[in-house]
Amino acid sequence: MACPICKKPTLTEFRPFCSKRCADIDLGKWFSGSYAIPADDPEDADDLESQLRQADLNKPH
């Protein structure tokens, strides 16, 4: 199995990555939003927007 970041062989300790460095790079991509699952349904986006607005209204300022 090859590391999805650098394509080197993986190590059992860090599988599916070859090192902690590559695992951290992957985690950083998740945190930054580089990885995303696209929504095809416009209603999903509208529902999410409504939920976010409602959450903002419920926050104490």
N, C-alpha and C. Protein backbone atom coordinates (compact mmCIF):
# COMPACT_ATOMS: atom_id res chain seq x y z
N MET A 1 0.84 -1.16 0.00
CA MET A 1 0.00 0.00 0.00
C MET A 1 0.90 1.24 0.00
N ALA A 2 0.55 2.22 -0.80
CA ALA A 2 1.33 3.45 -0.90
C ALA A 2 0.67 4.57 -0.08
N CYS A 3 1.50 5.41 0.49
CA CYS A 3 1.03 6.56 1.25
C CYS A 3 0.24 7.49 0.31
N PRO A 4 -0.95 7.93 0.71
CA PRO A 4 -1.74 8.80 -0.17
C PRO A 4 -1.15 10.20 -0.33
N ILE A 5 -0.22 10.58 0.52
CA ILE A 5 0.37 11.91 0.44
C ILE A 5 1.62 11.91 -0.44
N CYS A 6 2.59 11.02 -0.16
CA CYS A 6 3.87 11.05 -0.88
C CYS A 6 4.12 9.81 -1.74
N LYS A 7 3.25 8.83 -1.65
CA LYS A 7 3.34 7.59 -2.47
C LYS A 7 4.45 6.63 -2.05
N LYS A 8 5.13 6.87 -0.91
CA LYS A 8 6.11 5.92 -0.39
C LYS A 8 5.38 4.74 0.24
N PRO A 9 6.06 3.61 0.46
CA PRO A 9 5.43 2.48 1.14
C PRO A 9 5.01 2.87 2.57
N THR A 10 3.89 2.34 3.01
CA THR A 10 3.38 2.69 4.34
C THR A 10 4.07 1.88 5.43
N LEU A 11 4.00 2.41 6.63
CA LEU A 11 4.47 1.70 7.82
C LEU A 11 3.25 1.36 8.66
N THR A 12 3.25 0.18 9.27
CA THR A 12 2.12 -0.28 10.07
C THR A 12 1.75 0.74 11.14
N GLU A 13 2.75 1.34 11.75
CA GLU A 13 2.53 2.30 12.84
C GLU A 13 1.71 3.52 12.39
N PHE A 14 1.84 3.92 11.12
CA PHE A 14 1.19 5.13 10.63
C PHE A 14 0.17 4.86 9.53
N ARG A 15 -0.13 3.62 9.27
CA ARG A 15 -1.01 3.24 8.18
C ARG A 15 -2.28 4.05 8.16
N PRO A 16 -2.72 4.59 7.07
CA PRO A 16 -2.30 4.34 5.69
C PRO A 16 -1.18 5.25 5.22
N PHE A 17 -0.49 5.91 6.14
CA PHE A 17 0.58 6.84 5.77
C PHE A 17 1.95 6.20 6.01
N CYS A 18 2.98 6.86 5.53
CA CYS A 18 4.34 6.33 5.70
C CYS A 18 5.01 6.92 6.94
N SER A 19 4.48 8.03 7.44
CA SER A 19 5.13 8.71 8.57
C SER A 19 4.13 9.61 9.29
N LYS A 20 4.53 10.07 10.45
CA LYS A 20 3.69 11.03 11.19
C LYS A 20 3.55 12.32 10.40
N ARG A 21 4.62 12.70 9.71
CA ARG A 21 4.58 13.93 8.91
C ARG A 21 3.46 13.87 7.87
N CYS A 22 3.36 12.77 7.13
CA CYS A 22 2.31 12.65 6.11
C CYS A 22 0.93 12.57 6.76
N ALA A 23 0.83 11.92 7.91
CA ALA A 23 -0.45 11.86 8.63
C ALA A 23 -0.87 13.27 9.05
N ASP A 24 0.09 14.07 9.51
CA ASP A 24 -0.20 15.44 9.93
C ASP A 24 -0.58 16.32 8.73
N ILE A 25 0.05 16.11 7.60
CA ILE A 25 -0.30 16.85 6.39
C ILE A 25 -1.75 16.55 6.03
N ASP A 26 -2.13 15.28 6.09
CA ASP A 26 -3.51 14.89 5.78
C ASP A 26 -4.49 15.52 6.77
N LEU A 27 -4.17 15.50 8.04
CA LEU A 27 -5.03 16.10 9.06
C LEU A 27 -5.19 17.60 8.80
N GLY A 28 -4.11 18.26 8.42
CA GLY A 28 -4.17 19.68 8.10
C GLY A 28 -5.10 19.96 6.93
N LYS A 29 -5.12 19.06 5.95
CA LYS A 29 -6.03 19.24 4.81
C LYS A 29 -7.49 19.14 5.26
N TRP A 30 -7.77 18.25 6.20
CA TRP A 30 -9.14 18.15 6.73
C TRP A 30 -9.51 19.43 7.47
N PHE A 31 -8.59 19.92 8.33
CA PHE A 31 -8.86 21.12 9.12
C PHE A 31 -9.05 22.35 8.24
N SER A 32 -8.30 22.44 7.16
CA SER A 32 -8.37 23.63 6.31
C SER A 32 -9.56 23.60 5.35
N GLY A 33 -10.22 22.45 5.25
CA GLY A 33 -11.35 22.35 4.33
C GLY A 33 -10.96 21.93 2.93
N SER A 34 -9.71 21.50 2.75
CA SER A 34 -9.29 21.05 1.43
C SER A 34 -10.07 19.82 0.98
N TYR A 35 -10.43 19.00 1.94
CA TYR A 35 -11.26 17.83 1.64
C TYR A 35 -12.70 18.21 1.94
N ALA A 36 -13.57 17.97 1.00
CA ALA A 36 -14.99 18.27 1.20
C ALA A 36 -15.83 17.31 0.37
N ILE A 37 -17.00 17.05 0.85
CA ILE A 37 -17.95 16.21 0.12
C ILE A 37 -18.97 17.16 -0.50
N PRO A 38 -19.01 17.24 -1.81
CA PRO A 38 -19.93 18.18 -2.45
C PRO A 38 -21.38 17.74 -2.27
N ALA A 39 -22.25 18.71 -2.12
CA ALA A 39 -23.69 18.44 -2.02
C ALA A 39 -24.32 18.77 -3.36
N ASP A 40 -25.07 17.82 -3.91
CA ASP A 40 -25.74 18.05 -5.18
C ASP A 40 -27.13 18.64 -4.99
N ASP A 41 -27.67 18.49 -3.81
CA ASP A 41 -29.03 18.92 -3.54
C ASP A 41 -29.03 20.35 -2.97
N PRO A 42 -29.59 21.31 -3.70
CA PRO A 42 -29.59 22.69 -3.19
C PRO A 42 -30.34 22.84 -1.87
N GLU A 43 -31.27 21.95 -1.60
CA GLU A 43 -32.00 22.01 -0.33
C GLU A 43 -31.06 21.75 0.84
N ASP A 44 -30.04 20.91 0.65
CA ASP A 44 -29.06 20.65 1.70
C ASP A 44 -28.36 21.94 2.10
N ALA A 45 -27.97 22.73 1.12
CA ALA A 45 -27.29 23.99 1.40
C ALA A 45 -28.22 24.96 2.11
N ASP A 46 -29.47 25.01 1.68
CA ASP A 46 -30.45 25.89 2.33
C ASP A 46 -30.70 25.47 3.77
N ASP A 47 -30.80 24.17 4.01
CA ASP A 47 -31.02 23.66 5.36
C ASP A 47 -29.83 24.00 6.26
N LEU A 48 -28.63 23.82 5.75
CA LEU A 48 -27.44 24.11 6.53
C LEU A 48 -27.35 25.61 6.85
N GLU A 49 -27.66 26.43 5.87
CA GLU A 49 -27.63 27.88 6.09
C GLU A 49 -28.64 28.28 7.17
N SER A 50 -29.82 27.70 7.14
CA SER A 50 -30.83 27.98 8.15
C SER A 50 -30.37 27.54 9.54
N GLN A 51 -29.75 26.38 9.62
CA GLN A 51 -29.25 25.89 10.91
C GLN A 51 -28.16 26.79 11.46
N LEU A 52 -27.28 27.25 10.59
CA LEU A 52 -26.20 28.13 11.04
C LEU A 52 -26.74 29.48 11.51
N ARG A 53 -27.72 30.00 10.80
CA ARG A 53 -28.33 31.27 11.22
C ARG A 53 -29.02 31.11 12.58
N GLN A 54 -29.72 30.00 12.76
CA GLN A 54 -30.41 29.75 14.02
C GLN A 54 -29.41 29.60 15.15
N ALA A 55 -28.30 28.93 14.89
CA ALA A 55 -27.28 28.76 15.92
C ALA A 55 -26.69 30.11 16.32
N ASP A 56 -26.48 31.00 15.34
CA ASP A 56 -25.95 32.33 15.63
C ASP A 56 -26.94 33.14 16.46
N LEU A 57 -28.23 32.98 16.22
CA LEU A 57 -29.24 33.72 16.97
C LEU A 57 -29.31 33.24 18.42
N ASN A 58 -28.97 31.99 18.66
CA ASN A 58 -29.04 31.43 20.00
C ASN A 58 -27.78 31.65 20.82
N LYS A 59 -26.73 32.19 20.20
CA LYS A 59 -25.47 32.42 20.93
C LYS A 59 -25.61 33.64 21.81
N PRO A 60 -25.12 33.57 23.03
CA PRO A 60 -25.10 34.76 23.86
C PRO A 60 -23.99 35.71 23.37
N HIS A 61 -24.27 36.97 23.35
CA HIS A 61 -23.27 37.93 22.86
C HIS A 61 -22.65 38.70 23.97
